[in-house]
Amino acid sequence: MTTTEMRKFEEFDASFPEHNAEMIDGQVCINTVVTSGHGQAVLAIAAQLVDEWCVMTKVDTVYEGWRGTTLLRPDLSVAAPAHHGADLPRFPAEEIILVTEVTSRSTFENDTRRKVAKYAQAGIPYYLVVDPIKGRCLLHSLPEDGRYRSKVESKFGDPVSVGAPLDTDIDTSALYTY
């Protein structure tokens, strides 16, 4: 769905490709600084899943229920292996099994509140929030009626158990605070 908000976002995004921009409810959110620690956290999790699943970073994620006013670029998205090699300009949220966001001081509110609601609304089964400031992970699951019914907190070093279809424990021992 192409809306006025989405067209304006696309124009901005094309004009400033060096910025990491997203749109939530028509509001453009810009993240200009990505730290080494942030990237290492994303890679540590991706490395555990990439052999069996389609693992993507910063993929343009859309959902029809967002009515063309939201486009998210999760730090990490995991989909079924059948999506390996997919070159979609926009990836449908309905096909994503797990999204992961690594928080920072500038993105904390979006990652821990606004995106929780958006990912649940899209029915994404698992949303993992990695918080290197507090040294913890929050796994949201069981989306229903635009909310996640379950949230499990783990500290860095403890495994994060993700259910079907991934059926895996994510090792968080390589994650560190900053």
C-alpha atoms as a PDB file:
ATOM      1  CA  MET A   1       0.000   0.000   0.000  1.00  0.00           C
ATOM      2  CA  THR A   2       1.499   3.311  -1.057  1.00  0.00           C
ATOM      3  CA  THR A   3       0.368   6.190   1.103  1.00  0.00           C
ATOM      4  CA  THR A   4       1.409   9.822   1.232  1.00  0.00           C
ATOM      5  CA  GLU A   5       3.461   9.018   4.329  1.00  0.00           C
ATOM      6  CA  MET A   6       5.205   6.134   2.563  1.00  0.00           C
ATOM      7  CA  ARG A   7       5.995   8.229  -0.520  1.00  0.00           C
ATOM      8  CA  LYS A   8       7.516  10.967   1.658  1.00  0.00           C
ATOM      9  CA  PHE A   9       9.499   8.368   3.590  1.00  0.00           C
ATOM     10  CA  GLU A  10      10.809   6.803   0.372  1.00  0.00           C
ATOM     11  CA  GLU A  11      11.913  10.239  -0.900  1.00  0.00           C
ATOM     12  CA  PHE A  12      13.743  10.948   2.360  1.00  0.00           C
ATOM     13  CA  ASP A  13      15.281   7.479   2.436  1.00  0.00           C
ATOM     14  CA  ALA A  14      16.581   7.821  -1.138  1.00  0.00           C
ATOM     15  CA  SER A  15      18.041  11.253  -0.386  1.00  0.00           C
ATOM     16  CA  PHE A  16      19.962  10.092   2.696  1.00  0.00           C
ATOM     17  CA  PRO A  17      21.081   6.495   2.041  1.00  0.00           C
ATOM     18  CA  GLU A  18      23.806   6.680   4.699  1.00  0.00           C
ATOM     19  CA  HIS A  19      21.173   7.014   7.426  1.00  0.00           C
ATOM     20  CA  ASN A  20      19.254   4.112   8.871  1.00  0.00           C
ATOM     21  CA  ALA A  21      15.674   5.344   8.742  1.00  0.00           C
ATOM     22  CA  GLU A  22      12.416   3.644   9.650  1.00  0.00           C
ATOM     23  CA  MET A  23       8.851   4.904   9.833  1.00  0.00           C
ATOM     24  CA  ILE A  24       6.471   4.144  12.694  1.00  0.00           C
ATOM     25  CA  ASP A  25       2.903   5.422  12.413  1.00  0.00           C
ATOM     26  CA  GLY A  26       3.961   8.058   9.877  1.00  0.00           C
ATOM     27  CA  GLN A  27       6.871   9.326  11.995  1.00  0.00           C
ATOM     28  CA  VAL A  28      10.354   8.985  10.492  1.00  0.00           C
ATOM     29  CA  CYS A  29      12.893   7.627  12.986  1.00  0.00           C
ATOM     30  CA  ILE A  30      16.573   8.041  12.134  1.00  0.00           C
ATOM     31  CA  ASN A  31      19.405   6.058  13.693  1.00  0.00           C
ATOM     32  CA  THR A  32      22.700   7.477  12.547  1.00  0.00           C
ATOM     33  CA  VAL A  33      25.179   5.766  14.858  1.00  0.00           C
ATOM     34  CA  VAL A  34      25.758   2.033  14.878  1.00  0.00           C
ATOM     35  CA  THR A  35      28.429   0.900  17.299  1.00  0.00           C
ATOM     36  CA  SER A  36      30.796  -2.004  16.995  1.00  0.00           C
ATOM     37  CA  GLY A  37      29.141  -3.637  20.004  1.00  0.00           C
ATOM     38  CA  HIS A  38      25.749  -3.351  18.327  1.00  0.00           C
ATOM     39  CA  GLY A  39      26.989  -5.067  15.189  1.00  0.00           C
ATOM     40  CA  GLN A  40      28.762  -7.769  17.165  1.00  0.00           C
ATOM     41  CA  ALA A  41      25.556  -8.589  19.050  1.00  0.00           C
ATOM     42  CA  VAL A  42      23.607  -8.903  15.792  1.00  0.00           C
ATOM     43  CA  LEU A  43      26.294 -11.142  14.271  1.00  0.00           C
ATOM     44  CA  ALA A  44      26.548 -13.327  17.404  1.00  0.00           C
ATOM     45  CA  ILE A  45      22.849 -14.145  17.168  1.00  0.00           C
ATOM     46  CA  ALA A  46      22.761 -14.452  13.360  1.00  0.00           C
ATOM     47  CA  ALA A  47      25.670 -16.912  13.374  1.00  0.00           C
ATOM     48  CA  GLN A  48      23.621 -19.321  15.469  1.00  0.00           C
ATOM     49  CA  LEU A  49      20.698 -19.379  13.042  1.00  0.00           C
ATOM     50  CA  VAL A  50      22.125 -18.864   9.563  1.00  0.00           C
ATOM     51  CA  ASP A  51      22.872 -22.540   8.840  1.00  0.00           C
ATOM     52  CA  GLU A  52      19.229 -23.587   9.097  1.00  0.00           C
ATOM     53  CA  TRP A  53      17.183 -20.440   8.472  1.00  0.00           C
ATOM     54  CA  CYS A  54      16.994 -17.458   6.149  1.00  0.00           C
ATOM     55  CA  VAL A  55      18.662 -14.744   8.247  1.00  0.00           C
ATOM     56  CA  MET A  56      18.473 -11.136   7.044  1.00  0.00           C
ATOM     57  CA  THR A  57      19.660  -7.802   8.385  1.00  0.00           C
ATOM     58  CA  LYS A  58      17.968  -4.445   7.913  1.00  0.00           C
ATOM     59  CA  VAL A  59      15.324  -5.840   5.557  1.00  0.00           C
ATOM     60  CA  ASP A  60      12.447  -3.470   4.713  1.00  0.00           C
ATOM     61  CA  THR A  61       9.562  -5.058   6.604  1.00  0.00           C
ATOM     62  CA  VAL A  62       5.950  -4.211   5.808  1.00  0.00           C
ATOM     63  CA  TYR A  63       2.544  -5.409   6.929  1.00  0.00           C
ATOM     64  CA  GLU A  64      -0.772  -4.505   5.327  1.00  0.00           C
ATOM     65  CA  GLY A  65      -2.347  -3.851   8.735  1.00  0.00           C
ATOM     66  CA  TRP A  66       0.128  -0.989   9.271  1.00  0.00           C
ATOM     67  CA  ARG A  67      -1.823   0.786   6.504  1.00  0.00           C
ATOM     68  CA  GLY A  68       1.241   2.150   4.738  1.00  0.00           C
ATOM     69  CA  THR A  69       2.397   4.298   7.662  1.00  0.00           C
ATOM     70  CA  THR A  70       5.048   1.951   9.069  1.00  0.00           C
ATOM     71  CA  LEU A  71       8.168   0.436   7.537  1.00  0.00           C
ATOM     72  CA  LEU A  72      10.580  -1.256   9.919  1.00  0.00           C
ATOM     73  CA  ARG A  73      14.148  -2.455   9.358  1.00  0.00           C
ATOM     74  CA  PRO A  74      14.870  -4.930  12.146  1.00  0.00           C
ATOM     75  CA  ASP A  75      18.481  -5.488  13.088  1.00  0.00           C
ATOM     76  CA  LEU A  76      17.859  -9.170  12.373  1.00  0.00           C
ATOM     77  CA  SER A  77      14.969 -11.043  10.750  1.00  0.00           C
ATOM     78  CA  VAL A  78      14.608 -14.804  10.505  1.00  0.00           C
ATOM     79  CA  ALA A  79      12.353 -16.515   7.970  1.00  0.00           C
ATOM     80  CA  ALA A  80      11.887 -20.028   6.610  1.00  0.00           C
ATOM     81  CA  PRO A  81      14.771 -21.474   4.562  1.00  0.00           C
ATOM     82  CA  ALA A  82      12.617 -21.245   1.428  1.00  0.00           C
ATOM     83  CA  HIS A  83      13.321 -17.495   1.433  1.00  0.00           C
ATOM     84  CA  HIS A  84      17.081 -17.956   0.880  1.00  0.00           C
ATOM     85  CA  GLY A  85      18.065 -15.786  -2.057  1.00  0.00           C
ATOM     86  CA  ALA A  86      14.808 -13.827  -2.043  1.00  0.00           C
ATOM     87  CA  ASP A  87      15.383 -10.340  -3.406  1.00  0.00           C
ATOM     88  CA  LEU A  88      12.195  -8.589  -2.403  1.00  0.00           C
ATOM     89  CA  PRO A  89      12.104  -4.785  -2.211  1.00  0.00           C
ATOM     90  CA  ARG A  90       9.752  -5.158   0.757  1.00  0.00           C
ATOM     91  CA  PHE A  91       9.601  -8.280   2.896  1.00  0.00           C
ATOM     92  CA  PRO A  92       6.182  -9.268   4.254  1.00  0.00           C
ATOM     93  CA  ALA A  93       6.082  -9.381   8.054  1.00  0.00           C
ATOM     94  CA  GLU A  94       3.805 -12.422   7.840  1.00  0.00           C
ATOM     95  CA  GLU A  95       6.757 -14.480   6.581  1.00  0.00           C
ATOM     96  CA  ILE A  96       9.048 -13.594   9.480  1.00  0.00           C
ATOM     97  CA  ILE A  97       9.419 -15.974  12.417  1.00  0.00           C
ATOM     98  CA  LEU A  98      11.770 -13.948  14.638  1.00  0.00           C
ATOM     99  CA  VAL A  99      12.869 -10.328  14.695  1.00  0.00           C
ATOM    100  CA  THR A 100      15.688  -9.028  16.861  1.00  0.00           C
ATOM    101  CA  GLU A 101      16.474  -5.450  17.806  1.00  0.00           C
ATOM    102  CA  VAL A 102      19.604  -4.434  19.698  1.00  0.00           C
ATOM    103  CA  THR A 103      18.734  -1.356  21.711  1.00  0.00           C
ATOM    104  CA  SER A 104      20.724   1.802  22.229  1.00  0.00           C
ATOM    105  CA  ARG A 105      19.984   4.910  24.233  1.00  0.00           C
ATOM    106  CA  SER A 106      18.594   6.610  21.119  1.00  0.00           C
ATOM    107  CA  THR A 107      16.357   3.699  20.038  1.00  0.00           C
ATOM    108  CA  PHE A 108      15.338   2.298  23.421  1.00  0.00           C
ATOM    109  CA  GLU A 109      11.764   3.662  23.440  1.00  0.00           C
ATOM    110  CA  ASN A 110      11.058   2.519  19.885  1.00  0.00           C
ATOM    111  CA  ASP A 111      12.610  -0.927  20.395  1.00  0.00           C
ATOM    112  CA  THR A 112      10.964  -1.664  23.750  1.00  0.00           C
ATOM    113  CA  ARG A 113       7.531  -0.138  23.253  1.00  0.00           C
ATOM    114  CA  ARG A 114       6.526   1.007  19.790  1.00  0.00           C
ATOM    115  CA  LYS A 115       8.036  -1.906  17.868  1.00  0.00           C
ATOM    116  CA  VAL A 116       6.700  -4.445  20.359  1.00  0.00           C
ATOM    117  CA  ALA A 117       3.203  -3.334  19.410  1.00  0.00           C
ATOM    118  CA  LYS A 118       3.954  -3.272  15.668  1.00  0.00           C
ATOM    119  CA  TYR A 119       5.562  -6.707  15.546  1.00  0.00           C
ATOM    120  CA  ALA A 120       2.744  -8.204  17.629  1.00  0.00           C
ATOM    121  CA  GLN A 121       0.151  -6.545  15.394  1.00  0.00           C
ATOM    122  CA  ALA A 122       1.842  -8.182  12.391  1.00  0.00           C
ATOM    123  CA  GLY A 123       1.697 -11.570  14.141  1.00  0.00           C
ATOM    124  CA  ILE A 124       5.471 -12.149  14.146  1.00  0.00           C
ATOM    125  CA  PRO A 125       5.808 -15.146  16.490  1.00  0.00           C
ATOM    126  CA  TYR A 126       8.957 -13.985  18.319  1.00  0.00           C
ATOM    127  CA  TYR A 127      10.476 -10.598  19.049  1.00  0.00           C
ATOM    128  CA  LEU A 128      13.841 -10.609  20.819  1.00  0.00           C
ATOM    129  CA  VAL A 129      15.009  -7.340  22.368  1.00  0.00           C
ATOM    130  CA  VAL A 130      18.712  -7.347  23.203  1.00  0.00           C
ATOM    131  CA  ASP A 131      19.543  -4.645  25.754  1.00  0.00           C
ATOM    132  CA  PRO A 132      23.321  -4.170  26.074  1.00  0.00           C
ATOM    133  CA  ILE A 133      22.806  -1.293  28.500  1.00  0.00           C
ATOM    134  CA  LYS A 134      21.203  -3.538  31.128  1.00  0.00           C
ATOM    135  CA  GLY A 135      22.774  -6.803  29.936  1.00  0.00           C
ATOM    136  CA  ARG A 136      19.501  -8.583  29.320  1.00  0.00           C
ATOM    137  CA  CYS A 137      17.299 -10.050  26.615  1.00  0.00           C
ATOM    138  CA  LEU A 138      13.513  -9.919  26.471  1.00  0.00           C
ATOM    139  CA  LEU A 139      11.790 -12.514  24.309  1.00  0.00           C
ATOM    140  CA  HIS A 140       8.228 -11.593  23.402  1.00  0.00           C
ATOM    141  CA  SER A 141       6.015 -14.377  22.038  1.00  0.00           C
ATOM    142  CA  LEU A 142       2.451 -15.550  21.516  1.00  0.00           C
ATOM    143  CA  PRO A 143       1.067 -12.590  19.557  1.00  0.00           C
ATOM    144  CA  GLU A 144      -2.683 -12.164  19.844  1.00  0.00           C
ATOM    145  CA  ASP A 145      -4.937  -9.181  19.144  1.00  0.00           C
ATOM    146  CA  GLY A 146      -1.972  -6.866  18.568  1.00  0.00           C
ATOM    147  CA  ARG A 147      -0.161  -7.778  21.801  1.00  0.00           C
ATOM    148  CA  TYR A 148       2.356 -10.362  22.885  1.00  0.00           C
ATOM    149  CA  ARG A 149       0.954 -12.555  25.638  1.00  0.00           C
ATOM    150  CA  SER A 150       4.328 -13.750  26.899  1.00  0.00           C
ATOM    151  CA  LYS A 151       7.598 -12.031  27.776  1.00  0.00           C
ATOM    152  CA  VAL A 152      10.604 -13.876  29.192  1.00  0.00           C
ATOM    153  CA  GLU A 153      13.628 -11.976  30.480  1.00  0.00           C
ATOM    154  CA  SER A 154      17.126 -13.465  30.511  1.00  0.00           C
ATOM    155  CA  LYS A 155      20.428 -11.960  31.535  1.00  0.00           C
ATOM    156  CA  PHE A 156      23.414 -12.064  29.201  1.00  0.00           C
ATOM    157  CA  GLY A 157      25.066 -15.443  29.562  1.00  0.00           C
ATOM    158  CA  ASP A 158      21.779 -17.329  29.986  1.00  0.00           C
ATOM    159  CA  PRO A 159      20.284 -19.056  26.928  1.00  0.00           C
ATOM    160  CA  VAL A 160      17.131 -17.663  25.325  1.00  0.00           C
ATOM    161  CA  SER A 161      14.762 -20.506  24.441  1.00  0.00           C
ATOM    162  CA  VAL A 162      12.822 -19.916  21.232  1.00  0.00           C
ATOM    163  CA  GLY A 163      10.014 -22.349  20.462  1.00  0.00           C
ATOM    164  CA  ALA A 164       8.637 -23.856  17.270  1.00  0.00           C
ATOM    165  CA  PRO A 165       9.430 -23.723  14.479  1.00  0.00           C
ATOM    166  CA  LEU A 166      12.938 -22.541  15.410  1.00  0.00           C
ATOM    167  CA  ASP A 167      13.167 -24.808  18.481  1.00  0.00           C
ATOM    168  CA  THR A 168      16.524 -23.470  19.595  1.00  0.00           C
ATOM    169  CA  ASP A 169      18.335 -21.943  22.522  1.00  0.00           C
ATOM    170  CA  ILE A 170      20.152 -18.755  21.580  1.00  0.00           C
ATOM    171  CA  ASP A 171      23.498 -18.574  23.344  1.00  0.00           C
ATOM    172  CA  THR A 172      23.951 -15.065  24.785  1.00  0.00           C
ATOM    173  CA  SER A 173      27.377 -15.634  26.346  1.00  0.00           C
ATOM    174  CA  ALA A 174      29.067 -13.610  23.552  1.00  0.00           C
ATOM    175  CA  LEU A 175      26.909 -10.558  24.280  1.00  0.00           C
ATOM    176  CA  TYR A 176      28.287  -7.805  26.471  1.00  0.00           C
ATOM    177  CA  THR A 177      27.182  -4.537  27.997  1.00  0.00           C
ATOM    178  CA  TYR A 178      28.233  -1.087  26.874  1.00  0.00           C
END
